[in-house]
Amino acid sequence: MITMTVYHTNGREEVVETDLPPRPSLRQLKEVMAPYFPNAYTEHVNVLVGSRYTDMFVDEDGFTKNLPRNEKATAIYRNNWLTQHPNTDPEMMAFIVGPAVVFSDRVWY
């Protein structure tokens, strides 16, 4: 059982448990994420959550679709760099738009 957290642009977090195998296929990943990315290509991002690296997926075309900024997903996305470079101005870094899915364990190999 793997948990995925969906970070919505309105700040809501949705925790979903799914029966993915330890090394899921791309097809299996797409199936569990499909409700959150309808008709979208997803992009993988390696992120640091707490002290563990895991996988985040976002809409690859979110900027061209003018999706709203996702503050919670942006904080997760920036965490690794800011942990290593604490004097960096976070607003000089890229940000996440649209929904984001973060898995509790590594799923992208």
N, C-alpha and C. Protein backbone atom coordinates (compact mmCIF):
# COMPACT_ATOMS: atom_id res chain seq x y z
N MET A 1 0.85 -1.18 0.00
CA MET A 1 0.00 0.00 0.00
C MET A 1 0.90 1.24 0.00
N ILE A 2 0.64 2.14 -0.92
CA ILE A 2 1.37 3.40 -1.01
C ILE A 2 0.37 4.54 -0.84
N THR A 3 0.80 5.55 -0.14
CA THR A 3 -0.03 6.73 0.04
C THR A 3 0.42 7.81 -0.91
N MET A 4 -0.54 8.48 -1.51
CA MET A 4 -0.22 9.65 -2.30
C MET A 4 -1.03 10.81 -1.75
N THR A 5 -0.39 11.96 -1.70
CA THR A 5 -1.07 13.17 -1.25
C THR A 5 -1.23 14.07 -2.45
N VAL A 6 -2.47 14.48 -2.68
CA VAL A 6 -2.77 15.40 -3.77
C VAL A 6 -2.86 16.80 -3.17
N TYR A 7 -2.04 17.69 -3.67
CA TYR A 7 -2.04 19.08 -3.22
C TYR A 7 -2.81 19.89 -4.26
N HIS A 8 -3.98 20.36 -3.85
CA HIS A 8 -4.82 21.15 -4.75
C HIS A 8 -4.43 22.62 -4.63
N THR A 9 -4.72 23.39 -5.67
CA THR A 9 -4.31 24.79 -5.70
C THR A 9 -5.03 25.65 -4.67
N ASN A 10 -6.15 25.18 -4.14
CA ASN A 10 -6.87 25.94 -3.12
C ASN A 10 -6.34 25.66 -1.71
N GLY A 11 -5.25 24.87 -1.63
CA GLY A 11 -4.64 24.57 -0.34
C GLY A 11 -5.10 23.27 0.28
N ARG A 12 -6.12 22.66 -0.29
CA ARG A 12 -6.63 21.40 0.24
C ARG A 12 -5.66 20.27 -0.07
N GLU A 13 -5.48 19.38 0.92
CA GLU A 13 -4.66 18.19 0.76
C GLU A 13 -5.56 16.97 0.81
N GLU A 14 -5.41 16.10 -0.16
CA GLU A 14 -6.23 14.89 -0.24
C GLU A 14 -5.29 13.69 -0.15
N VAL A 15 -5.44 12.89 0.89
CA VAL A 15 -4.59 11.71 1.09
C VAL A 15 -5.33 10.49 0.56
N VAL A 16 -4.67 9.77 -0.34
CA VAL A 16 -5.27 8.62 -1.00
C VAL A 16 -4.34 7.43 -0.83
N GLU A 17 -4.88 6.30 -0.35
CA GLU A 17 -4.10 5.07 -0.28
C GLU A 17 -4.40 4.26 -1.52
N THR A 18 -3.35 3.70 -2.11
CA THR A 18 -3.51 2.96 -3.35
C THR A 18 -2.70 1.67 -3.30
N ASP A 19 -3.15 0.69 -4.03
CA ASP A 19 -2.50 -0.63 -4.05
C ASP A 19 -1.44 -0.74 -5.13
N LEU A 20 -0.58 0.22 -5.25
CA LEU A 20 0.50 0.13 -6.23
C LEU A 20 1.56 -0.85 -5.74
N PRO A 21 2.17 -1.58 -6.66
CA PRO A 21 3.28 -2.45 -6.26
C PRO A 21 4.51 -1.60 -5.94
N PRO A 22 5.52 -2.19 -5.33
CA PRO A 22 6.72 -1.43 -4.96
C PRO A 22 7.41 -0.74 -6.14
N ARG A 23 7.35 -1.31 -7.31
CA ARG A 23 7.95 -0.70 -8.51
C ARG A 23 6.87 -0.64 -9.61
N PRO A 24 5.97 0.32 -9.49
CA PRO A 24 4.85 0.37 -10.44
C PRO A 24 5.30 0.74 -11.85
N SER A 25 4.51 0.29 -12.81
CA SER A 25 4.77 0.65 -14.21
C SER A 25 4.22 2.06 -14.45
N LEU A 26 4.61 2.64 -15.56
CA LEU A 26 4.10 3.95 -15.94
C LEU A 26 2.59 3.90 -16.10
N ARG A 27 2.09 2.83 -16.68
CA ARG A 27 0.64 2.66 -16.85
C ARG A 27 -0.08 2.66 -15.50
N GLN A 28 0.47 1.95 -14.52
CA GLN A 28 -0.14 1.90 -13.20
C GLN A 28 -0.14 3.27 -12.52
N LEU A 29 0.97 4.01 -12.67
CA LEU A 29 1.04 5.36 -12.11
C LEU A 29 0.00 6.27 -12.75
N LYS A 30 -0.07 6.21 -14.08
CA LYS A 30 -1.04 7.05 -14.79
C LYS A 30 -2.46 6.75 -14.35
N GLU A 31 -2.77 5.48 -14.11
CA GLU A 31 -4.12 5.10 -13.70
C GLU A 31 -4.50 5.73 -12.37
N VAL A 32 -3.61 5.68 -11.39
CA VAL A 32 -3.97 6.23 -10.07
C VAL A 32 -3.97 7.75 -10.06
N MET A 33 -3.23 8.37 -10.97
CA MET A 33 -3.17 9.83 -11.01
C MET A 33 -4.18 10.45 -11.99
N ALA A 34 -4.78 9.64 -12.83
CA ALA A 34 -5.68 10.15 -13.88
C ALA A 34 -6.78 11.09 -13.36
N PRO A 35 -7.41 10.82 -12.23
CA PRO A 35 -8.46 11.74 -11.77
C PRO A 35 -7.96 13.16 -11.48
N TYR A 36 -6.68 13.31 -11.23
CA TYR A 36 -6.13 14.61 -10.85
C TYR A 36 -5.49 15.33 -12.03
N PHE A 37 -5.23 14.59 -13.11
CA PHE A 37 -4.61 15.15 -14.31
C PHE A 37 -5.39 14.72 -15.55
N PRO A 38 -6.65 15.13 -15.68
CA PRO A 38 -7.42 14.71 -16.86
C PRO A 38 -6.83 15.30 -18.13
N ASN A 39 -6.61 14.43 -19.10
CA ASN A 39 -6.07 14.85 -20.40
C ASN A 39 -4.76 15.63 -20.28
N ALA A 40 -3.91 15.22 -19.38
CA ALA A 40 -2.65 15.94 -19.18
C ALA A 40 -1.48 14.98 -19.22
N TYR A 41 -0.35 15.50 -19.66
CA TYR A 41 0.91 14.78 -19.53
C TYR A 41 1.50 15.19 -18.20
N THR A 42 2.01 14.21 -17.47
CA THR A 42 2.59 14.54 -16.17
C THR A 42 4.10 14.60 -16.27
N GLU A 43 4.67 15.42 -15.42
CA GLU A 43 6.12 15.57 -15.33
C GLU A 43 6.55 15.11 -13.95
N HIS A 44 7.61 14.33 -13.89
CA HIS A 44 8.15 13.85 -12.63
C HIS A 44 9.14 14.85 -12.05
N VAL A 45 9.06 15.03 -10.73
CA VAL A 45 10.00 15.89 -10.01
C VAL A 45 10.46 15.13 -8.78
N ASN A 46 11.78 15.04 -8.59
CA ASN A 46 12.35 14.45 -7.38
C ASN A 46 12.29 15.50 -6.28
N VAL A 47 11.68 15.17 -5.14
CA VAL A 47 11.53 16.15 -4.07
C VAL A 47 11.98 15.57 -2.73
N LEU A 48 12.32 16.48 -1.83
CA LEU A 48 12.72 16.12 -0.47
C LEU A 48 11.56 16.48 0.46
N VAL A 49 10.99 15.45 1.09
CA VAL A 49 9.89 15.65 2.04
C VAL A 49 10.42 15.22 3.40
N GLY A 50 10.54 16.17 4.30
CA GLY A 50 11.21 15.87 5.57
C GLY A 50 12.66 15.56 5.28
N SER A 51 13.09 14.35 5.60
CA SER A 51 14.47 13.95 5.32
C SER A 51 14.55 12.85 4.26
N ARG A 52 13.41 12.62 3.56
CA ARG A 52 13.37 11.54 2.57
C ARG A 52 13.07 12.08 1.18
N TYR A 53 13.76 11.52 0.20
CA TYR A 53 13.45 11.85 -1.18
C TYR A 53 12.28 10.99 -1.65
N THR A 54 11.41 11.61 -2.41
CA THR A 54 10.28 10.90 -2.97
C THR A 54 9.90 11.54 -4.31
N ASP A 55 8.76 11.16 -4.84
CA ASP A 55 8.39 11.57 -6.19
C ASP A 55 7.14 12.45 -6.20
N MET A 56 7.23 13.53 -6.96
CA MET A 56 6.11 14.43 -7.18
C MET A 56 5.80 14.42 -8.68
N PHE A 57 4.52 14.51 -9.01
CA PHE A 57 4.10 14.63 -10.39
C PHE A 57 3.21 15.85 -10.54
N VAL A 58 3.43 16.58 -11.62
CA VAL A 58 2.68 17.81 -11.91
C VAL A 58 2.28 17.80 -13.38
N ASP A 59 1.37 18.70 -13.74
CA ASP A 59 0.94 18.84 -15.13
C ASP A 59 2.07 19.50 -15.92
N GLU A 60 2.60 18.79 -16.89
CA GLU A 60 3.73 19.30 -17.67
C GLU A 60 3.40 20.61 -18.39
N ASP A 61 2.16 20.79 -18.77
CA ASP A 61 1.74 21.98 -19.51
C ASP A 61 0.98 22.98 -18.64
N GLY A 62 1.15 22.89 -17.34
CA GLY A 62 0.40 23.75 -16.43
C GLY A 62 0.57 25.23 -16.67
N PHE A 63 1.76 25.66 -17.03
CA PHE A 63 1.99 27.09 -17.28
C PHE A 63 1.28 27.55 -18.54
N THR A 64 1.32 26.74 -19.59
CA THR A 64 0.65 27.15 -20.83
C THR A 64 -0.87 27.10 -20.67
N LYS A 65 -1.35 26.30 -19.75
CA LYS A 65 -2.80 26.24 -19.47
C LYS A 65 -3.23 27.34 -18.49
N ASN A 66 -2.27 28.12 -18.01
CA ASN A 66 -2.54 29.19 -17.03
C ASN A 66 -3.18 28.65 -15.75
N LEU A 67 -2.70 27.49 -15.30
CA LEU A 67 -3.20 26.93 -14.04
C LEU A 67 -2.71 27.80 -12.88
N PRO A 68 -3.49 27.87 -11.80
CA PRO A 68 -3.08 28.70 -10.66
C PRO A 68 -1.88 28.12 -9.93
N ARG A 69 -1.15 29.02 -9.28
CA ARG A 69 0.02 28.62 -8.49
C ARG A 69 -0.44 27.75 -7.32
N ASN A 70 0.39 26.75 -7.01
CA ASN A 70 0.12 25.83 -5.92
C ASN A 70 1.16 26.06 -4.83
N GLU A 71 0.76 26.77 -3.79
CA GLU A 71 1.71 27.18 -2.74
C GLU A 71 2.30 25.99 -1.98
N LYS A 72 1.47 25.04 -1.58
CA LYS A 72 1.99 23.90 -0.81
C LYS A 72 2.94 23.04 -1.65
N ALA A 73 2.58 22.78 -2.89
CA ALA A 73 3.45 21.99 -3.76
C ALA A 73 4.74 22.74 -4.07
N THR A 74 4.65 24.06 -4.19
CA THR A 74 5.84 24.87 -4.44
C THR A 74 6.80 24.77 -3.26
N ALA A 75 6.29 24.81 -2.04
CA ALA A 75 7.15 24.70 -0.85
C ALA A 75 7.86 23.35 -0.83
N ILE A 76 7.16 22.28 -1.19
CA ILE A 76 7.78 20.96 -1.25
C ILE A 76 8.83 20.93 -2.35
N TYR A 77 8.50 21.46 -3.50
CA TYR A 77 9.42 21.49 -4.65
C TYR A 77 10.72 22.23 -4.30
N ARG A 78 10.62 23.32 -3.58
CA ARG A 78 11.79 24.14 -3.26
C ARG A 78 12.58 23.64 -2.06
N ASN A 79 12.02 22.76 -1.27
CA ASN A 79 12.62 22.35 0.00
C ASN A 79 14.06 21.85 -0.12
N ASN A 80 14.34 20.99 -1.10
CA ASN A 80 15.69 20.43 -1.22
C ASN A 80 16.73 21.53 -1.41
N TRP A 81 16.50 22.42 -2.35
CA TRP A 81 17.46 23.49 -2.61
C TRP A 81 17.60 24.41 -1.40
N LEU A 82 16.48 24.79 -0.82
CA LEU A 82 16.52 25.73 0.30
C LEU A 82 17.14 25.12 1.55
N THR A 83 17.05 23.80 1.71
CA THR A 83 17.70 23.12 2.82
C THR A 83 19.21 23.23 2.68
N GLN A 84 19.70 23.11 1.46
CA GLN A 84 21.14 23.16 1.20
C GLN A 84 21.66 24.59 1.03
N HIS A 85 20.78 25.52 0.64
CA HIS A 85 21.16 26.91 0.38
C HIS A 85 20.16 27.84 1.07
N PRO A 86 20.21 27.90 2.39
CA PRO A 86 19.18 28.63 3.14
C PRO A 86 19.13 30.14 2.88
N ASN A 87 20.14 30.72 2.30
CA ASN A 87 20.13 32.16 2.04
C ASN A 87 19.51 32.52 0.68
N THR A 88 19.02 31.53 -0.03
CA THR A 88 18.40 31.77 -1.33
C THR A 88 17.03 32.42 -1.14
N ASP A 89 16.74 33.40 -1.98
CA ASP A 89 15.40 34.00 -1.99
C ASP A 89 14.47 33.03 -2.71
N PRO A 90 13.51 32.43 -2.02
CA PRO A 90 12.66 31.43 -2.66
C PRO A 90 11.90 31.96 -3.87
N GLU A 91 11.57 33.23 -3.87
CA GLU A 91 10.80 33.78 -4.99
C GLU A 91 11.64 33.98 -6.25
N MET A 92 12.92 33.71 -6.17
CA MET A 92 13.77 33.73 -7.36
C MET A 92 13.80 32.35 -8.02
N MET A 93 13.10 31.39 -7.40
CA MET A 93 13.07 30.01 -7.90
C MET A 93 11.77 29.74 -8.65
N ALA A 94 11.77 28.67 -9.41
CA ALA A 94 10.56 28.24 -10.11
C ALA A 94 9.48 27.85 -9.10
N PHE A 95 8.24 27.79 -9.58
CA PHE A 95 7.13 27.38 -8.72
C PHE A 95 6.23 26.40 -9.46
N ILE A 96 5.36 25.75 -8.70
CA ILE A 96 4.45 24.73 -9.23
C ILE A 96 3.08 25.36 -9.48
N VAL A 97 2.46 24.97 -10.59
CA VAL A 97 1.09 25.39 -10.87
C VAL A 97 0.22 24.15 -11.04
N GLY A 98 -1.05 24.30 -10.73
CA GLY A 98 -1.99 23.19 -10.86
C GLY A 98 -1.82 22.18 -9.75
N PRO A 99 -2.56 21.09 -9.82
CA PRO A 99 -2.46 20.07 -8.78
C PRO A 99 -1.11 19.37 -8.81
N ALA A 100 -0.73 18.82 -7.68
CA ALA A 100 0.51 18.05 -7.59
C ALA A 100 0.23 16.80 -6.78
N VAL A 101 0.83 15.70 -7.19
CA VAL A 101 0.69 14.44 -6.47
C VAL A 101 2.07 14.07 -5.93
N VAL A 102 2.13 13.83 -4.62
CA VAL A 102 3.38 13.43 -3.97
C VAL A 102 3.17 12.05 -3.34
N PHE A 103 4.03 11.12 -3.68
CA PHE A 103 3.93 9.76 -3.15
C PHE A 103 4.72 9.62 -1.86
N SER A 104 4.25 8.76 -0.98
CA SER A 104 4.91 8.54 0.31
C SER A 104 6.23 7.77 0.15
N ASP A 105 6.34 7.02 -0.92
CA ASP A 105 7.54 6.24 -1.21
C ASP A 105 7.96 6.48 -2.65
N ARG A 106 9.20 6.11 -2.96
CA ARG A 106 9.67 6.24 -4.34
C ARG A 106 8.85 5.34 -5.24
N VAL A 107 8.43 5.87 -6.38
CA VAL A 107 7.67 5.08 -7.35
C VAL A 107 8.25 5.21 -8.76
N TRP A 108 9.17 6.13 -8.95
CA TRP A 108 9.72 6.41 -10.28
C TRP A 108 11.13 5.86 -10.37
N TYR A 109 11.35 4.86 -11.22
CA TYR A 109 12.67 4.21 -11.33
C TYR A 109 13.15 4.25 -12.74
